[in-house]
Amino acid sequence: MADDDAPPGDGSTDQRPASTGRAIAGRGIIVASWAGDGIFLATAVPAAAGVESFDDVAVAVTLVLFFLSLAIWAWAFAVAVARSAQGDDIAVANLFGTLGGAPRTVIVHLYGALTLCVLVAIGTAAANPFGVLVPMLPIGFLGLWAARHGTFPPRAVPGARQA
C-alpha cells in the first residue's frame, strides 16, 4: 500500500489537506478508476461497432468489472463504518456526494471517470446490455476515496451539550 493510499491518521477526523501541491491523496484510486474506464472502453466500443470477435470479450469484461465493483463498494463501506465507529460523522450522502470535502482535482477526476463510464455504457448498451452495470465501478471508487481520504466532522454524541 502506497503512502498516498494510507487511511488518514488514526481513523478520526484528519484535518490534513487531501491534496498538497502536486501530490494527490488516493492517486492510486483515481488511476484505478480511469483504468477501469479504459478497459471498458477498449472492449465495449469495438463490440458495439460490430467486431464480432469482441462480443464475448466485452461481456466478460463488463461482468468482471461489475463484480470487482461489488468488492470496491464493500471495501468502501467497511472503511466508512470503521471511521464512523471511531467518531467521524459519515453518511452515504457525504461519502458519495461530497466525497468528504475532496479537493477539486479529485472531484474532477473521479466524476470525470464516472461520466465517461456512463456515456460508454449508454452508447454501447444495445450491443452489450451488461455494460450498464459497469458504472458501479467508478461510483465505488468515489466512495472508496472518500472513506479513505475524505474529512468528515465528528459525530454528535446524543445528549451532549452543543457548544
N, C-alpha and C. Protein backbone atom coordinates (compact mmCIF):
# COMPACT_ATOMS: atom_id res chain seq x y z
N MET A 1 0.85 -1.17 0.00
CA MET A 1 0.00 0.00 0.00
C MET A 1 0.89 1.23 0.00
N ALA A 2 0.68 2.12 -0.96
CA ALA A 2 1.48 3.33 -1.06
C ALA A 2 1.06 4.32 0.01
N ASP A 3 1.98 5.23 0.35
CA ASP A 3 1.68 6.22 1.37
C ASP A 3 0.47 7.06 1.01
N ASP A 4 0.30 7.37 -0.29
CA ASP A 4 -0.83 8.21 -0.65
C ASP A 4 -2.15 7.47 -0.58
N ASP A 5 -2.13 6.15 -0.39
CA ASP A 5 -3.35 5.37 -0.24
C ASP A 5 -3.62 4.99 1.20
N ALA A 6 -2.76 5.41 2.13
CA ALA A 6 -2.94 5.07 3.53
C ALA A 6 -4.15 5.80 4.10
N PRO A 7 -4.90 5.16 4.99
CA PRO A 7 -6.03 5.84 5.60
C PRO A 7 -5.55 6.99 6.47
N PRO A 8 -6.37 8.02 6.63
CA PRO A 8 -5.94 9.18 7.38
C PRO A 8 -5.76 8.89 8.86
N GLY A 9 -4.64 9.29 9.39
CA GLY A 9 -4.37 9.25 10.83
C GLY A 9 -4.82 7.99 11.52
N ASP A 10 -5.50 8.17 12.62
CA ASP A 10 -5.96 7.06 13.43
C ASP A 10 -7.41 6.70 13.12
N GLY A 11 -7.93 7.24 12.03
CA GLY A 11 -9.30 6.95 11.67
C GLY A 11 -10.23 8.07 12.10
N SER A 12 -9.78 8.94 12.99
CA SER A 12 -10.61 10.06 13.39
C SER A 12 -10.51 11.14 12.32
N THR A 13 -11.26 12.20 12.49
CA THR A 13 -11.23 13.27 11.51
C THR A 13 -9.82 13.79 11.37
N ASP A 14 -9.32 13.73 10.18
CA ASP A 14 -7.96 14.15 9.89
C ASP A 14 -8.03 15.48 9.16
N GLN A 15 -7.44 16.51 9.71
CA GLN A 15 -7.55 17.83 9.15
C GLN A 15 -6.44 18.16 8.16
N ARG A 16 -5.56 17.21 7.85
CA ARG A 16 -4.52 17.49 6.87
C ARG A 16 -5.17 17.65 5.50
N PRO A 17 -4.61 18.47 4.65
CA PRO A 17 -5.21 18.64 3.33
C PRO A 17 -5.11 17.36 2.53
N ALA A 18 -6.16 17.07 1.78
CA ALA A 18 -6.18 15.86 0.96
C ALA A 18 -5.28 16.00 -0.26
N SER A 19 -4.97 17.22 -0.64
CA SER A 19 -4.09 17.44 -1.77
C SER A 19 -3.17 18.60 -1.45
N THR A 20 -1.88 18.37 -1.56
CA THR A 20 -0.91 19.43 -1.32
C THR A 20 -0.01 19.52 -2.53
N GLY A 21 0.00 20.68 -3.13
CA GLY A 21 0.84 20.86 -4.30
C GLY A 21 0.46 19.89 -5.41
N ARG A 22 1.42 19.14 -5.89
CA ARG A 22 1.18 18.21 -6.98
C ARG A 22 0.78 16.81 -6.49
N ALA A 23 0.99 16.55 -5.19
CA ALA A 23 0.64 15.23 -4.67
C ALA A 23 -0.87 15.17 -4.43
N ILE A 24 -1.48 14.11 -4.90
CA ILE A 24 -2.92 13.93 -4.73
C ILE A 24 -3.13 12.71 -3.85
N ALA A 25 -3.85 12.89 -2.75
CA ALA A 25 -4.16 11.76 -1.88
C ALA A 25 -5.02 10.77 -2.65
N GLY A 26 -4.73 9.51 -2.49
CA GLY A 26 -5.52 8.48 -3.14
C GLY A 26 -5.33 8.41 -4.64
N ARG A 27 -4.15 8.79 -5.10
CA ARG A 27 -3.86 8.79 -6.53
C ARG A 27 -4.10 7.41 -7.14
N GLY A 28 -3.78 6.36 -6.41
CA GLY A 28 -4.00 5.00 -6.92
C GLY A 28 -5.46 4.71 -7.18
N ILE A 29 -6.35 5.24 -6.35
CA ILE A 29 -7.78 5.05 -6.54
C ILE A 29 -8.23 5.77 -7.81
N ILE A 30 -7.72 6.97 -8.01
CA ILE A 30 -8.07 7.75 -9.20
C ILE A 30 -7.58 7.04 -10.46
N VAL A 31 -6.34 6.58 -10.44
CA VAL A 31 -5.78 5.86 -11.59
C VAL A 31 -6.58 4.58 -11.86
N ALA A 32 -6.94 3.86 -10.82
CA ALA A 32 -7.73 2.63 -11.00
C ALA A 32 -9.09 2.92 -11.61
N SER A 33 -9.69 4.03 -11.23
CA SER A 33 -10.99 4.40 -11.79
C SER A 33 -10.88 4.67 -13.29
N TRP A 34 -9.86 5.42 -13.69
CA TRP A 34 -9.65 5.69 -15.11
C TRP A 34 -9.25 4.40 -15.85
N ALA A 35 -8.46 3.54 -15.22
CA ALA A 35 -8.06 2.29 -15.86
C ALA A 35 -9.26 1.40 -16.14
N GLY A 36 -10.18 1.34 -15.18
CA GLY A 36 -11.41 0.58 -15.40
C GLY A 36 -12.18 1.10 -16.60
N ASP A 37 -12.24 2.43 -16.72
CA ASP A 37 -12.90 3.04 -17.88
C ASP A 37 -12.19 2.65 -19.17
N GLY A 38 -10.86 2.68 -19.15
CA GLY A 38 -10.09 2.35 -20.33
C GLY A 38 -10.33 0.93 -20.79
N ILE A 39 -10.35 0.01 -19.85
CA ILE A 39 -10.59 -1.40 -20.19
C ILE A 39 -12.00 -1.58 -20.74
N PHE A 40 -12.96 -0.93 -20.10
CA PHE A 40 -14.35 -1.00 -20.57
C PHE A 40 -14.46 -0.43 -21.99
N LEU A 41 -13.88 0.74 -22.20
CA LEU A 41 -13.92 1.41 -23.49
C LEU A 41 -13.27 0.55 -24.58
N ALA A 42 -12.12 -0.04 -24.26
CA ALA A 42 -11.36 -0.83 -25.24
C ALA A 42 -12.09 -2.08 -25.70
N THR A 43 -13.01 -2.57 -24.90
CA THR A 43 -13.74 -3.78 -25.31
C THR A 43 -15.17 -3.49 -25.75
N ALA A 44 -15.81 -2.52 -25.12
CA ALA A 44 -17.22 -2.24 -25.43
C ALA A 44 -17.41 -1.56 -26.77
N VAL A 45 -16.53 -0.62 -27.11
CA VAL A 45 -16.70 0.12 -28.37
C VAL A 45 -16.51 -0.78 -29.59
N PRO A 46 -15.46 -1.60 -29.66
CA PRO A 46 -15.35 -2.49 -30.82
C PRO A 46 -16.54 -3.47 -30.92
N ALA A 47 -17.01 -3.95 -29.79
CA ALA A 47 -18.16 -4.87 -29.82
C ALA A 47 -19.39 -4.15 -30.35
N ALA A 48 -19.59 -2.91 -29.92
CA ALA A 48 -20.74 -2.13 -30.39
C ALA A 48 -20.60 -1.75 -31.85
N ALA A 49 -19.36 -1.64 -32.31
CA ALA A 49 -19.10 -1.29 -33.71
C ALA A 49 -19.27 -2.49 -34.65
N GLY A 50 -19.53 -3.66 -34.09
CA GLY A 50 -19.78 -4.83 -34.91
C GLY A 50 -18.62 -5.78 -35.06
N VAL A 51 -17.54 -5.58 -34.33
CA VAL A 51 -16.40 -6.50 -34.39
C VAL A 51 -16.79 -7.73 -33.56
N GLU A 52 -17.20 -8.79 -34.26
CA GLU A 52 -17.75 -9.97 -33.59
C GLU A 52 -16.78 -10.64 -32.63
N SER A 53 -15.49 -10.55 -32.89
CA SER A 53 -14.52 -11.20 -32.00
C SER A 53 -14.49 -10.52 -30.63
N PHE A 54 -15.07 -9.34 -30.49
CA PHE A 54 -15.10 -8.64 -29.21
C PHE A 54 -16.38 -8.90 -28.43
N ASP A 55 -17.36 -9.56 -29.02
CA ASP A 55 -18.65 -9.75 -28.35
C ASP A 55 -18.51 -10.46 -27.00
N ASP A 56 -17.92 -11.64 -27.01
CA ASP A 56 -17.78 -12.40 -25.77
C ASP A 56 -16.81 -11.73 -24.80
N VAL A 57 -15.76 -11.14 -25.36
CA VAL A 57 -14.78 -10.44 -24.51
C VAL A 57 -15.44 -9.26 -23.81
N ALA A 58 -16.26 -8.51 -24.53
CA ALA A 58 -16.93 -7.35 -23.95
C ALA A 58 -17.86 -7.77 -22.82
N VAL A 59 -18.60 -8.84 -23.02
CA VAL A 59 -19.50 -9.32 -21.97
C VAL A 59 -18.69 -9.76 -20.75
N ALA A 60 -17.63 -10.52 -20.99
CA ALA A 60 -16.80 -10.99 -19.87
C ALA A 60 -16.18 -9.82 -19.11
N VAL A 61 -15.67 -8.83 -19.83
CA VAL A 61 -15.05 -7.67 -19.18
C VAL A 61 -16.08 -6.91 -18.35
N THR A 62 -17.27 -6.69 -18.91
CA THR A 62 -18.28 -5.95 -18.16
C THR A 62 -18.68 -6.68 -16.89
N LEU A 63 -18.80 -7.99 -16.97
CA LEU A 63 -19.17 -8.75 -15.77
C LEU A 63 -18.03 -8.75 -14.73
N VAL A 64 -16.80 -8.87 -15.19
CA VAL A 64 -15.66 -8.81 -14.27
C VAL A 64 -15.60 -7.44 -13.59
N LEU A 65 -15.77 -6.38 -14.37
CA LEU A 65 -15.73 -5.03 -13.79
C LEU A 65 -16.88 -4.83 -12.81
N PHE A 66 -18.05 -5.36 -13.11
CA PHE A 66 -19.17 -5.25 -12.18
C PHE A 66 -18.89 -5.99 -10.88
N PHE A 67 -18.42 -7.23 -10.97
CA PHE A 67 -18.13 -7.97 -9.74
C PHE A 67 -16.98 -7.35 -8.96
N LEU A 68 -16.03 -6.76 -9.66
CA LEU A 68 -14.98 -6.00 -8.99
C LEU A 68 -15.57 -4.80 -8.26
N SER A 69 -16.55 -4.16 -8.88
CA SER A 69 -17.19 -3.01 -8.25
C SER A 69 -17.88 -3.40 -6.93
N LEU A 70 -18.43 -4.60 -6.87
CA LEU A 70 -19.05 -5.05 -5.62
C LEU A 70 -18.02 -5.15 -4.50
N ALA A 71 -16.83 -5.63 -4.82
CA ALA A 71 -15.76 -5.70 -3.83
C ALA A 71 -15.31 -4.31 -3.41
N ILE A 72 -15.22 -3.38 -4.36
CA ILE A 72 -14.82 -2.00 -4.05
C ILE A 72 -15.87 -1.34 -3.16
N TRP A 73 -17.14 -1.54 -3.46
CA TRP A 73 -18.22 -0.98 -2.63
C TRP A 73 -18.13 -1.55 -1.21
N ALA A 74 -17.91 -2.84 -1.09
CA ALA A 74 -17.81 -3.45 0.24
C ALA A 74 -16.61 -2.89 1.00
N TRP A 75 -15.50 -2.72 0.32
CA TRP A 75 -14.30 -2.14 0.92
C TRP A 75 -14.58 -0.71 1.39
N ALA A 76 -15.19 0.10 0.53
CA ALA A 76 -15.53 1.48 0.89
C ALA A 76 -16.46 1.52 2.10
N PHE A 77 -17.44 0.65 2.09
CA PHE A 77 -18.40 0.60 3.20
C PHE A 77 -17.71 0.20 4.50
N ALA A 78 -16.84 -0.79 4.44
CA ALA A 78 -16.13 -1.25 5.64
C ALA A 78 -15.24 -0.14 6.21
N VAL A 79 -14.54 0.58 5.35
CA VAL A 79 -13.68 1.67 5.81
C VAL A 79 -14.54 2.78 6.42
N ALA A 80 -15.66 3.10 5.76
CA ALA A 80 -16.55 4.15 6.28
C ALA A 80 -17.15 3.75 7.64
N VAL A 81 -17.54 2.51 7.77
CA VAL A 81 -18.10 2.04 9.05
C VAL A 81 -17.04 2.12 10.15
N ALA A 82 -15.81 1.72 9.83
CA ALA A 82 -14.74 1.79 10.83
C ALA A 82 -14.47 3.23 11.24
N ARG A 83 -14.43 4.14 10.28
CA ARG A 83 -14.21 5.55 10.62
C ARG A 83 -15.38 6.11 11.41
N SER A 84 -16.58 5.70 11.06
CA SER A 84 -17.77 6.16 11.78
C SER A 84 -17.74 5.67 13.23
N ALA A 85 -17.31 4.43 13.40
CA ALA A 85 -17.22 3.87 14.76
C ALA A 85 -16.16 4.58 15.59
N GLN A 86 -15.18 5.19 14.92
CA GLN A 86 -14.13 5.91 15.62
C GLN A 86 -14.48 7.38 15.82
N GLY A 87 -15.69 7.79 15.42
CA GLY A 87 -16.15 9.13 15.73
C GLY A 87 -16.43 10.06 14.58
N ASP A 88 -16.15 9.64 13.34
CA ASP A 88 -16.44 10.51 12.20
C ASP A 88 -17.92 10.39 11.83
N ASP A 89 -18.52 11.51 11.45
CA ASP A 89 -19.93 11.53 11.06
C ASP A 89 -20.00 11.32 9.55
N ILE A 90 -20.08 10.06 9.15
CA ILE A 90 -20.10 9.72 7.73
C ILE A 90 -21.47 9.18 7.37
N ALA A 91 -22.10 9.82 6.40
CA ALA A 91 -23.39 9.36 5.87
C ALA A 91 -23.18 9.03 4.39
N VAL A 92 -24.08 8.25 3.85
CA VAL A 92 -23.95 7.85 2.45
C VAL A 92 -23.90 9.08 1.54
N ALA A 93 -24.71 10.09 1.85
CA ALA A 93 -24.75 11.29 1.01
C ALA A 93 -23.41 12.00 0.95
N ASN A 94 -22.74 12.14 2.10
CA ASN A 94 -21.45 12.84 2.04
C ASN A 94 -20.31 11.90 1.67
N LEU A 95 -20.51 10.61 1.73
CA LEU A 95 -19.49 9.66 1.29
C LEU A 95 -19.42 9.66 -0.24
N PHE A 96 -20.57 9.60 -0.90
CA PHE A 96 -20.59 9.53 -2.36
C PHE A 96 -20.89 10.87 -3.02
N GLY A 97 -21.49 11.80 -2.30
CA GLY A 97 -21.85 13.08 -2.89
C GLY A 97 -20.77 14.13 -2.79
N THR A 98 -20.36 14.44 -1.58
CA THR A 98 -19.37 15.50 -1.39
C THR A 98 -17.95 14.95 -1.37
N LEU A 99 -17.81 13.65 -1.30
CA LEU A 99 -16.51 12.99 -1.21
C LEU A 99 -15.71 13.47 -0.01
N GLY A 100 -16.41 13.81 1.05
CA GLY A 100 -15.71 14.21 2.27
C GLY A 100 -14.84 15.43 2.09
N GLY A 101 -15.33 16.41 1.36
CA GLY A 101 -14.56 17.63 1.17
C GLY A 101 -13.34 17.44 0.29
N ALA A 102 -13.44 16.60 -0.71
CA ALA A 102 -12.31 16.32 -1.61
C ALA A 102 -11.90 17.58 -2.35
N PRO A 103 -10.60 17.70 -2.66
CA PRO A 103 -10.15 18.84 -3.46
C PRO A 103 -10.72 18.75 -4.88
N ARG A 104 -10.79 19.88 -5.52
CA ARG A 104 -11.38 19.97 -6.86
C ARG A 104 -10.73 19.00 -7.85
N THR A 105 -9.44 18.83 -7.79
CA THR A 105 -8.74 17.91 -8.70
C THR A 105 -9.29 16.49 -8.56
N VAL A 106 -9.49 16.05 -7.35
CA VAL A 106 -10.00 14.70 -7.10
C VAL A 106 -11.43 14.59 -7.62
N ILE A 107 -12.25 15.59 -7.34
CA ILE A 107 -13.64 15.58 -7.79
C ILE A 107 -13.71 15.52 -9.31
N VAL A 108 -12.90 16.33 -9.98
CA VAL A 108 -12.91 16.35 -11.44
C VAL A 108 -12.51 14.98 -12.00
N HIS A 109 -11.48 14.38 -11.44
CA HIS A 109 -11.03 13.07 -11.94
C HIS A 109 -12.07 11.98 -11.67
N LEU A 110 -12.56 11.88 -10.45
CA LEU A 110 -13.46 10.78 -10.13
C LEU A 110 -14.82 10.93 -10.80
N TYR A 111 -15.37 12.14 -10.83
CA TYR A 111 -16.64 12.33 -11.52
C TYR A 111 -16.46 12.31 -13.04
N GLY A 112 -15.28 12.70 -13.52
CA GLY A 112 -14.98 12.59 -14.95
C GLY A 112 -14.96 11.13 -15.39
N ALA A 113 -14.32 10.29 -14.58
CA ALA A 113 -14.29 8.85 -14.89
C ALA A 113 -15.70 8.26 -14.86
N LEU A 114 -16.51 8.69 -13.90
CA LEU A 114 -17.89 8.21 -13.83
C LEU A 114 -18.68 8.66 -15.07
N THR A 115 -18.52 9.91 -15.45
CA THR A 115 -19.24 10.44 -16.62
C THR A 115 -18.87 9.68 -17.89
N LEU A 116 -17.57 9.47 -18.09
CA LEU A 116 -17.13 8.72 -19.26
C LEU A 116 -17.72 7.31 -19.26
N CYS A 117 -17.69 6.67 -18.11
CA CYS A 117 -18.21 5.30 -18.00
C CYS A 117 -19.71 5.24 -18.32
N VAL A 118 -20.46 6.19 -17.81
CA VAL A 118 -21.90 6.23 -18.08
C VAL A 118 -22.15 6.45 -19.57
N LEU A 119 -21.39 7.36 -20.20
CA LEU A 119 -21.57 7.61 -21.63
C LEU A 119 -21.25 6.38 -22.46
N VAL A 120 -20.18 5.68 -22.11
CA VAL A 120 -19.83 4.45 -22.84
C VAL A 120 -20.91 3.40 -22.62
N ALA A 121 -21.40 3.27 -21.40
CA ALA A 121 -22.44 2.28 -21.10
C ALA A 121 -23.71 2.56 -21.90
N ILE A 122 -24.10 3.82 -21.97
CA ILE A 122 -25.30 4.19 -22.72
C ILE A 122 -25.07 3.96 -24.22
N GLY A 123 -23.93 4.36 -24.70
CA GLY A 123 -23.63 4.25 -26.13
C GLY A 123 -23.48 2.83 -26.63
N THR A 124 -23.14 1.92 -25.75
CA THR A 124 -22.91 0.54 -26.18
C THR A 124 -23.95 -0.44 -25.63
N ALA A 125 -24.97 0.07 -24.98
CA ALA A 125 -25.96 -0.79 -24.32
C ALA A 125 -26.70 -1.70 -25.28
N ALA A 126 -26.94 -1.25 -26.48
CA ALA A 126 -27.66 -2.09 -27.45
C ALA A 126 -26.85 -3.32 -27.81
N ALA A 127 -25.54 -3.17 -27.90
CA ALA A 127 -24.67 -4.30 -28.27
C ALA A 127 -24.35 -5.18 -27.07
N ASN A 128 -24.27 -4.58 -25.89
CA ASN A 128 -23.92 -5.33 -24.69
C ASN A 128 -24.70 -4.76 -23.50
N PRO A 129 -25.89 -5.30 -23.25
CA PRO A 129 -26.72 -4.78 -22.16
C PRO A 129 -26.06 -4.87 -20.78
N PHE A 130 -25.11 -5.80 -20.62
CA PHE A 130 -24.43 -5.91 -19.33
C PHE A 130 -23.57 -4.68 -19.02
N GLY A 131 -23.24 -3.92 -20.04
CA GLY A 131 -22.41 -2.74 -19.87
C GLY A 131 -23.02 -1.70 -18.94
N VAL A 132 -24.34 -1.72 -18.79
CA VAL A 132 -24.97 -0.73 -17.91
C VAL A 132 -24.61 -0.98 -16.44
N LEU A 133 -24.03 -2.13 -16.13
CA LEU A 133 -23.61 -2.43 -14.76
C LEU A 133 -22.25 -1.81 -14.42
N VAL A 134 -21.46 -1.49 -15.43
CA VAL A 134 -20.08 -1.05 -15.21
C VAL A 134 -19.97 0.28 -14.46
N PRO A 135 -20.87 1.26 -14.63
CA PRO A 135 -20.72 2.50 -13.85
C PRO A 135 -20.71 2.30 -12.33
N MET A 136 -21.08 1.13 -11.88
CA MET A 136 -20.97 0.85 -10.44
C MET A 136 -19.51 0.90 -9.98
N LEU A 137 -18.57 0.62 -10.89
CA LEU A 137 -17.15 0.64 -10.54
C LEU A 137 -16.66 2.05 -10.19
N PRO A 138 -16.83 3.05 -11.07
CA PRO A 138 -16.36 4.38 -10.67
C PRO A 138 -17.14 4.95 -9.48
N ILE A 139 -18.40 4.56 -9.33
CA ILE A 139 -19.13 5.02 -8.14
C ILE A 139 -18.50 4.40 -6.89
N GLY A 140 -18.12 3.15 -6.97
CA GLY A 140 -17.43 2.51 -5.84
C GLY A 140 -16.11 3.20 -5.52
N PHE A 141 -15.37 3.61 -6.56
CA PHE A 141 -14.12 4.34 -6.32
C PHE A 141 -14.37 5.71 -5.70
N LEU A 142 -15.49 6.35 -6.04
CA LEU A 142 -15.87 7.61 -5.38
C LEU A 142 -15.98 7.39 -3.87
N GLY A 143 -16.73 6.36 -3.51
CA GLY A 143 -16.92 6.07 -2.09
C GLY A 143 -15.65 5.64 -1.40
N LEU A 144 -14.83 4.86 -2.09
CA LEU A 144 -13.58 4.40 -1.50
C LEU A 144 -12.65 5.57 -1.24
N TRP A 145 -12.55 6.50 -2.20
CA TRP A 145 -11.69 7.65 -1.99
C TRP A 145 -12.16 8.45 -0.77
N ALA A 146 -13.46 8.70 -0.71
CA ALA A 146 -13.99 9.49 0.41
C ALA A 146 -13.80 8.76 1.74
N ALA A 147 -14.03 7.47 1.76
CA ALA A 147 -13.88 6.71 3.01
C ALA A 147 -12.44 6.71 3.49
N ARG A 148 -11.50 6.66 2.57
CA ARG A 148 -10.09 6.60 2.96
C ARG A 148 -9.45 7.95 3.16
N HIS A 149 -9.85 8.95 2.37
CA HIS A 149 -9.12 10.22 2.37
C HIS A 149 -9.98 11.44 2.69
N GLY A 150 -11.28 11.28 2.73
CA GLY A 150 -12.16 12.41 2.99
C GLY A 150 -12.07 12.88 4.44
N THR A 151 -12.45 14.12 4.65
CA THR A 151 -12.52 14.66 6.01
C THR A 151 -13.98 14.86 6.36
N PHE A 152 -14.34 14.38 7.52
CA PHE A 152 -15.72 14.43 7.97
C PHE A 152 -15.76 15.03 9.38
N PRO A 153 -16.84 15.71 9.71
CA PRO A 153 -16.94 16.28 11.06
C PRO A 153 -17.10 15.16 12.10
N PRO A 154 -16.79 15.47 13.36
CA PRO A 154 -17.01 14.46 14.39
C PRO A 154 -18.51 14.22 14.57
N ARG A 155 -18.85 12.99 14.88
CA ARG A 155 -20.24 12.62 15.10
C ARG A 155 -20.74 13.25 16.39
N ALA A 156 -21.92 13.80 16.36
CA ALA A 156 -22.52 14.39 17.56
C ALA A 156 -22.91 13.26 18.52
N VAL A 157 -22.62 13.46 19.78
CA VAL A 157 -22.96 12.48 20.81
C VAL A 157 -24.36 12.81 21.32
N PRO A 158 -25.30 11.84 21.27
CA PRO A 158 -26.65 12.12 21.75
C PRO A 158 -26.63 12.52 23.23
N GLY A 159 -27.38 13.56 23.54
CA GLY A 159 -27.48 14.00 24.92
C GLY A 159 -26.37 14.95 25.35
N ALA A 160 -25.34 15.11 24.52
CA ALA A 160 -24.25 16.01 24.86
C ALA A 160 -24.65 17.44 24.54
N ARG A 161 -24.18 18.37 25.33
CA ARG A 161 -24.49 19.78 25.11
C ARG A 161 -23.66 20.28 23.93
N GLN A 162 -24.31 20.99 23.05
CA GLN A 162 -23.64 21.59 21.91
C GLN A 162 -23.08 22.93 22.32
N ALA A 163 -21.86 23.22 21.94
CA ALA A 163 -21.23 24.49 22.29
C ALA A 163 -21.66 25.59 21.38
